[in-house]
Protein backbone atom coordinates (compact mmCIF):
# COMPACT_ATOMS: atom_id res chain seq x y z
CA MET A 1 181.65 -10.59 179.72
CA GLY A 2 179.38 -7.98 181.10
CA SER A 3 175.65 -7.44 181.15
CA ILE A 4 173.92 -5.36 178.25
CA VAL A 5 170.61 -3.10 178.38
CA ALA A 6 168.80 -2.36 175.06
CA LEU A 7 166.28 0.32 174.66
CA ALA A 8 163.94 -1.13 171.58
CA GLY A 9 160.75 -1.43 169.70
CA GLN A 10 159.46 -2.09 166.45
CA ILE A 11 161.09 -4.88 164.07
CA GLY A 12 164.22 -3.21 163.69
CA GLY A 13 164.91 -2.99 167.35
CA ALA A 14 163.57 -6.63 167.94
CA LYS A 15 166.09 -7.91 165.15
CA LEU A 16 169.11 -6.13 166.86
CA ALA A 17 168.00 -7.34 170.15
CA ASP A 18 167.61 -11.04 168.71
CA GLY A 19 171.54 -10.51 167.79
CA LEU A 20 172.53 -9.24 170.93
CA TYR A 21 170.38 -12.15 172.58
CA ARG A 22 172.45 -14.77 170.80
CA LEU A 23 175.53 -13.11 172.14
CA ARG A 24 174.77 -12.46 175.67
CA GLY A 25 171.77 -14.43 176.59
CA GLU A 26 170.85 -13.98 180.12
CA ARG A 27 173.10 -10.97 180.56
CA LEU A 28 170.74 -9.04 178.09
CA THR A 29 167.65 -6.90 179.51
CA VAL A 30 165.49 -5.27 176.72
CA ILE A 31 163.73 -2.37 177.95
CA VAL A 32 160.81 -2.05 175.32
CA ASN A 33 158.75 1.16 174.40
CA SER A 34 154.98 0.76 175.68
CA GLY A 35 153.93 4.12 174.64
CA ASP A 36 152.06 2.64 171.82
CA ASP A 37 150.21 0.16 173.81
CA TYR A 38 146.38 0.26 173.38
CA GLU A 39 143.27 -1.61 174.25
CA ILE A 40 140.78 -3.20 171.44
CA LEU A 41 137.58 -5.09 172.71
CA GLY A 42 138.80 -4.82 176.39
CA LEU A 43 142.08 -6.56 175.70
CA PRO A 44 145.55 -4.71 176.55
CA MET A 45 147.62 -4.81 173.05
CA ALA A 46 151.26 -4.35 173.55
CA PRO A 47 152.75 -4.35 169.93
CA ASP A 48 156.21 -3.83 170.80
CA LEU A 49 156.55 -5.89 173.71
CA ASP A 50 154.80 -8.92 172.01
CA THR A 51 157.11 -8.30 168.69
CA MET A 52 160.04 -8.63 170.97
CA LEU A 53 158.77 -11.87 172.62
CA TYR A 54 157.82 -13.45 169.34
CA THR A 55 161.38 -12.53 168.08
CA LEU A 56 163.48 -13.77 170.77
CA SER A 57 161.51 -17.12 171.16
CA GLY A 58 161.78 -17.91 167.63
CA LEU A 59 158.22 -17.77 166.89
CA ALA A 60 157.83 -14.56 164.72
CA ASP A 61 156.79 -14.79 161.28
CA PRO A 62 159.56 -14.28 158.94
CA LYS A 63 157.82 -11.61 156.95
CA ARG A 64 155.34 -10.33 159.73
CA SER A 65 157.53 -10.06 162.92
CA TRP A 66 154.59 -8.70 164.85
CA GLU A 67 152.84 -11.96 164.79
CA PRO A 68 153.71 -15.66 165.24
CA VAL A 69 154.23 -17.86 162.14
CA ASP A 70 151.38 -19.81 160.50
CA GLU A 71 149.08 -17.16 161.98
CA THR A 72 145.34 -17.49 161.15
CA PHE A 73 142.37 -14.83 161.42
CA SER A 74 139.23 -16.91 161.96
CA CYS A 75 138.32 -14.97 164.99
CA PHE A 76 138.89 -11.65 163.24
CA ASP A 77 136.94 -12.82 160.33
CA MET A 78 133.82 -13.66 162.59
CA LEU A 79 134.18 -10.51 164.61
CA LYS A 80 133.79 -8.45 161.10
CA ARG A 81 130.84 -10.63 160.40
CA LEU A 82 129.16 -10.00 163.51
CA GLY A 83 129.47 -6.25 163.05
CA GLY A 84 132.94 -5.66 163.54
CA PHE A 85 132.82 -3.78 167.00
CA GLY A 86 135.36 -1.19 165.31
CA VAL A 87 137.60 -3.69 163.96
CA GLY A 88 136.64 -3.74 160.31
CA GLY A 89 139.31 -1.28 159.01
CA ARG A 90 141.95 -2.17 161.30
CA MET A 91 145.11 -4.42 160.50
CA PRO A 92 143.76 -7.85 161.36
CA PHE A 93 144.88 -9.14 164.47
CA GLY A 94 145.48 -13.49 164.47
CA ASP A 95 144.08 -16.01 166.54
CA ARG A 96 147.39 -16.91 168.00
CA SER A 97 148.41 -13.39 168.79
CA LEU A 98 145.33 -13.19 170.89
CA ALA A 99 146.89 -15.61 173.56
CA LEU A 100 149.24 -12.67 175.03
CA PRO A 101 146.53 -10.27 175.35
CA ILE A 102 144.17 -12.25 176.83
CA LEU A 103 146.63 -13.75 179.30
CA ARG A 104 147.94 -10.20 180.12
CA SER A 105 144.23 -8.97 180.69
CA GLU A 106 143.69 -11.86 183.15
CA ALA A 107 146.93 -11.03 185.01
CA LEU A 108 146.27 -7.39 185.26
CA ARG A 109 143.14 -8.17 186.69
CA ASN A 110 144.75 -10.11 189.17
CA ASP A 111 146.93 -7.06 190.24
CA ASN A 112 150.18 -8.46 188.52
CA ARG A 113 152.61 -5.46 187.23
CA PRO A 114 153.17 -5.43 183.52
CA THR A 115 156.96 -6.20 184.37
CA GLU A 116 155.95 -9.30 186.03
CA ILE A 117 153.52 -10.28 183.34
CA ALA A 118 156.33 -9.87 180.64
CA LEU A 119 159.04 -11.68 182.48
CA ASP A 120 156.47 -14.56 183.11
CA PHE A 121 156.00 -14.71 179.39
CA CYS A 122 159.52 -14.77 178.82
CA LYS A 123 159.75 -17.74 181.28
CA GLN A 124 156.80 -19.74 179.47
CA LEU A 125 158.68 -18.90 176.06
CA GLY A 126 161.86 -20.11 176.95
CA ILE A 127 163.47 -16.68 176.74
CA ASN A 128 166.68 -16.49 179.03
CA ALA A 129 166.83 -12.73 178.65
CA ARG A 130 164.79 -10.30 180.63
CA VAL A 131 162.13 -8.57 178.17
CA VAL A 132 160.41 -5.64 180.40
CA PRO A 133 158.23 -2.80 179.43
CA MET A 134 159.73 0.88 180.11
CA SER A 135 157.54 1.51 183.32
CA ASP A 136 154.68 -0.34 184.88
CA ASP A 137 152.68 2.94 184.84
CA PRO A 138 150.83 4.03 181.76
CA VAL A 139 152.30 6.36 179.05
CA ARG A 140 150.77 6.95 175.87
CA THR A 141 152.33 8.50 172.71
CA GLN A 142 150.05 11.28 171.39
CA VAL A 143 150.81 12.55 168.00
CA ILE A 144 150.01 16.15 167.24
CA THR A 145 148.87 16.44 163.59
CA GLU A 146 147.52 18.92 161.30
CA ALA A 147 144.12 17.16 161.92
CA GLY A 148 144.41 17.48 165.55
CA GLU A 149 145.96 15.32 168.60
CA VAL A 150 145.68 11.52 168.47
CA ARG A 151 147.01 8.67 170.33
CA TYR A 152 149.62 6.81 167.88
CA HIS A 153 147.72 3.89 167.43
CA GLU A 154 144.92 5.81 166.03
CA TYR A 155 147.46 7.78 163.85
CA PHE A 156 148.58 4.34 162.49
CA GLU A 157 145.59 2.38 162.34
CA ASP A 158 142.44 4.84 161.79
CA LEU A 159 144.44 7.69 159.84
CA GLN A 160 147.08 5.34 157.99
CA CYS A 161 149.95 7.81 158.97
CA GLU A 162 148.36 10.34 156.48
CA PRO A 163 147.99 13.46 158.38
CA ALA A 164 151.42 15.69 158.62
CA VAL A 165 152.97 15.44 161.95
CA LYS A 166 153.60 18.71 163.72
CA GLY A 167 154.98 17.14 167.19
CA PHE A 168 154.69 14.50 169.55
CA PHE A 169 154.21 14.51 173.64
CA TYR A 170 154.08 11.52 175.79
CA ALA A 171 151.16 11.62 178.34
CA GLY A 172 152.10 10.33 181.78
CA ALA A 173 155.80 10.00 181.34
CA ASP A 174 156.65 12.81 183.68
CA GLY A 175 154.91 10.71 186.51
CA ALA A 176 155.75 7.33 185.63
CA ALA A 177 158.36 5.50 187.74
CA LEU A 178 161.08 3.22 186.36
CA SER A 179 160.26 -0.34 187.80
CA PRO A 180 162.59 -2.12 190.37
CA GLU A 181 163.46 -4.63 187.32
CA VAL A 182 164.75 -1.71 185.02
CA LEU A 183 166.78 0.07 187.96
CA ASP A 184 168.51 -3.47 188.71
CA ALA A 185 169.56 -3.69 185.14
CA LEU A 186 170.67 -0.19 184.70
CA TYR A 187 172.55 -0.30 188.11
CA ALA A 188 174.28 -3.86 187.61
CA PRO A 189 177.61 -3.75 188.55
CA ASP A 190 178.73 -5.45 185.45
CA LEU A 191 177.01 -3.14 183.00
CA GLU A 192 178.99 -2.97 179.86
CA ALA A 193 176.95 -0.98 177.44
CA ILE A 194 173.45 0.64 176.74
CA VAL A 195 172.38 0.13 173.22
CA ILE A 196 169.62 2.04 171.59
CA CYS A 197 168.36 -0.13 168.83
CA PRO A 198 167.40 0.91 165.37
CA ALA A 199 163.78 2.29 165.65
CA ASN A 200 161.67 5.44 165.13
CA PRO A 201 163.11 8.05 167.50
CA TYR A 202 160.14 9.94 167.96
CA HIS A 203 157.36 7.45 169.04
CA THR A 204 159.62 4.57 169.99
CA ILE A 205 162.59 5.58 171.48
CA ALA A 206 161.44 8.91 172.70
CA PRO A 207 158.71 7.59 174.89
CA ILE A 208 161.16 5.44 176.85
CA LEU A 209 163.57 8.08 177.25
CA ALA A 210 160.73 10.51 178.44
CA VAL A 211 159.98 8.11 181.58
CA GLN A 212 160.67 10.15 184.69
CA GLY A 213 164.44 9.84 185.61
CA MET A 214 165.48 7.67 182.63
CA ARG A 215 167.83 9.88 180.42
CA GLU A 216 169.46 10.98 183.66
CA LEU A 217 169.96 7.50 185.04
CA LEU A 218 171.30 6.29 181.51
CA LYS A 219 173.80 9.33 181.55
CA SER A 220 174.91 8.63 185.21
CA ARG A 221 175.94 5.23 184.47
CA ARG A 222 179.00 6.16 182.57
CA VAL A 223 178.96 3.26 180.38
CA PRO A 224 179.05 3.77 176.39
CA ILE A 225 175.86 4.33 175.14
CA ILE A 226 175.64 3.22 171.49
CA ALA A 227 172.51 4.19 169.21
CA ILE A 228 171.81 2.82 165.77
CA SER A 229 170.57 4.82 162.68
CA PRO A 230 166.98 3.65 161.56
CA ILE A 231 167.80 5.76 158.34
CA VAL A 232 169.70 4.47 155.41
CA GLY A 233 170.36 6.60 152.38
CA GLY A 234 167.81 9.09 153.54
CA ASN A 235 165.08 6.34 153.79
CA ALA A 236 163.57 4.63 156.86
CA LEU A 237 164.15 0.89 156.74
CA LYS A 238 160.82 0.25 158.22
CA GLY A 239 157.87 2.50 159.17
CA SER A 240 157.17 6.25 158.82
CA ALA A 241 160.40 7.80 160.38
CA ALA A 242 161.48 9.41 157.14
CA LYS A 243 157.86 10.95 156.64
CA MET A 244 157.83 12.32 160.26
CA MET A 245 161.28 13.78 160.10
CA THR A 246 160.38 15.43 156.89
CA GLU A 247 156.94 16.94 158.45
CA LEU A 248 158.93 18.11 161.63
CA GLY A 249 161.41 20.17 159.40
CA HIS A 250 164.37 17.83 160.15
CA GLU A 251 166.76 16.14 157.41
CA VAL A 252 166.06 12.78 156.61
CA SER A 253 169.36 11.38 157.25
CA ALA A 254 171.43 9.16 159.76
CA ARG A 255 173.17 12.51 160.89
CA SER A 256 169.58 13.97 161.97
CA VAL A 257 169.00 10.87 163.90
CA ALA A 258 172.33 11.08 165.79
CA LEU A 259 171.54 14.75 166.50
CA ASN A 260 168.36 13.53 167.87
CA TYR A 261 170.37 11.84 170.84
CA TYR A 262 172.89 14.58 171.34
CA ARG A 263 174.32 14.88 174.72
CA LEU A 264 173.09 11.26 175.48
CA ILE A 265 174.98 8.88 173.29
CA ASP A 266 178.83 8.20 172.95
CA GLY A 267 178.81 6.34 169.85
CA PHE A 268 176.62 5.95 166.46
CA VAL A 269 176.42 3.21 163.95
CA ILE A 270 175.33 4.24 160.38
CA ASP A 271 174.91 1.96 157.24
CA SER A 272 177.95 1.77 155.20
CA GLU A 273 175.72 3.29 152.48
CA ASP A 274 175.88 6.59 154.40
CA ILE A 275 179.77 6.48 154.90
CA ALA A 276 179.89 10.17 153.52
CA LEU A 277 178.13 11.28 156.62
CA GLU A 278 180.79 9.89 159.14
CA GLU A 279 183.11 12.71 159.47
CA GLY A 280 180.21 14.97 159.80
CA ILE A 281 178.48 13.04 162.63
CA ARG A 282 182.01 12.65 164.38
CA ALA A 283 182.24 16.21 164.40
CA SER A 284 179.27 16.60 166.75
CA GLY A 285 181.16 14.60 169.17
CA PHE A 286 180.17 10.81 168.76
CA GLU A 287 182.24 7.96 167.68
CA VAL A 288 181.21 6.79 164.56
CA LEU A 289 180.92 3.14 162.80
CA ALA A 290 179.91 2.48 159.37
CA THR A 291 178.68 -0.84 158.88
CA LYS A 292 175.94 -3.05 157.49
CA THR A 293 172.89 -2.50 159.32
CA PHE A 294 169.98 -3.94 157.09
CA MET A 295 169.38 -7.25 158.85
CA ARG A 296 168.08 -9.69 156.40
CA ASP A 297 168.94 -12.98 158.36
CA THR A 298 170.27 -14.14 161.72
CA ASP A 299 173.60 -13.88 160.73
CA ASP A 300 173.13 -10.20 159.81
CA ARG A 301 171.76 -9.66 163.33
CA ILE A 302 174.70 -11.30 165.13
CA ALA A 303 177.08 -9.41 162.96
CA LEU A 304 175.42 -6.09 163.84
CA ALA A 305 175.42 -6.83 167.44
CA THR A 306 179.11 -7.96 167.31
CA ASP A 307 179.95 -4.60 165.64
CA VAL A 308 177.89 -2.44 168.26
CA LEU A 309 179.65 -4.17 170.99
CA LYS A 310 182.94 -3.94 169.56
CA LEU A 311 182.29 0.03 169.29
CA ALA A 312 181.11 0.04 172.93
CA GLU A 313 184.68 -1.71 173.86
CA THR A 314 186.54 0.81 171.72
CA ILE A 315 184.79 3.90 173.49
CA ARG A 316 185.27 2.19 176.94
CA ASN A 317 189.03 1.55 176.26
CA LYS A 318 189.55 5.15 174.80
CA LYS A 319 187.77 6.89 178.07
CA ALA A 320 190.31 4.74 180.18
CA GLU A 321 193.13 5.77 178.37
CA GLU A 322 191.92 9.39 178.70
CA ALA A 323 191.52 9.00 182.36
CA ASP A 324 194.95 7.47 183.00
CA ALA A 325 196.59 10.20 180.99
């Protein structure tokens, strides 16, 4: 049983990573999007990373996975009462949710790398897998909208995802380096598969792939790369992916997501609801699996993770047969 590397972010990505974690434990490394990171009140917020930590540690609220269960909001309410400091119109951040940013801020002041900080959080939370940011260097997703260019968190928080999206770019990605921990995971001699978890392809997965050398390294490893569609029946399971696809002039479908990963992936997983698209996607050169991708509970997470790894095994065996032919 080999090791697995997952590229992930958002709630859907955290859920599948949890399924993979329950199957592979310490043999899993999750490379998390940090392009959406931002600062508020001087604190470094890492929404995708923290969601992943809460999920894999079992601390996540079942309905609001981006924060711990039993969250309270006394600090946020007091900030608003004292004048807001710009937090008044934002999604409230909870009292327990402040712990990770506070400790992250202190660790960064002491010259610890973001990856070292994330791995220490894993240790403290009892997570045996490695959860690491995509780079120790800052990369920030910029959304080009009809109203101008803004950082992703401004588009999401301040503009409520309302302006039409015209494009994206990932500031700092071309100069960002892959950390030693990311390189160790991807160069692991027992690497079995690379999984692109279901998440927005534009502001969650694309920033990871944009880090200098990432896409080339993934392709060079010659192990199955499997992506899972976040689109089911023409709709995004979570977030604004469908809206963005429409505004960018793309068909809102699993097939459109698959083509976004053209020349990178070997296999693509779609929901059973989209089985009519299976042959069309396969014609683009991908192995395709139609299965249940909506993860309502832990059993669903494990079942999807199992299906993904079985698809990777099928692709690996097929490539071995072709090499022997």
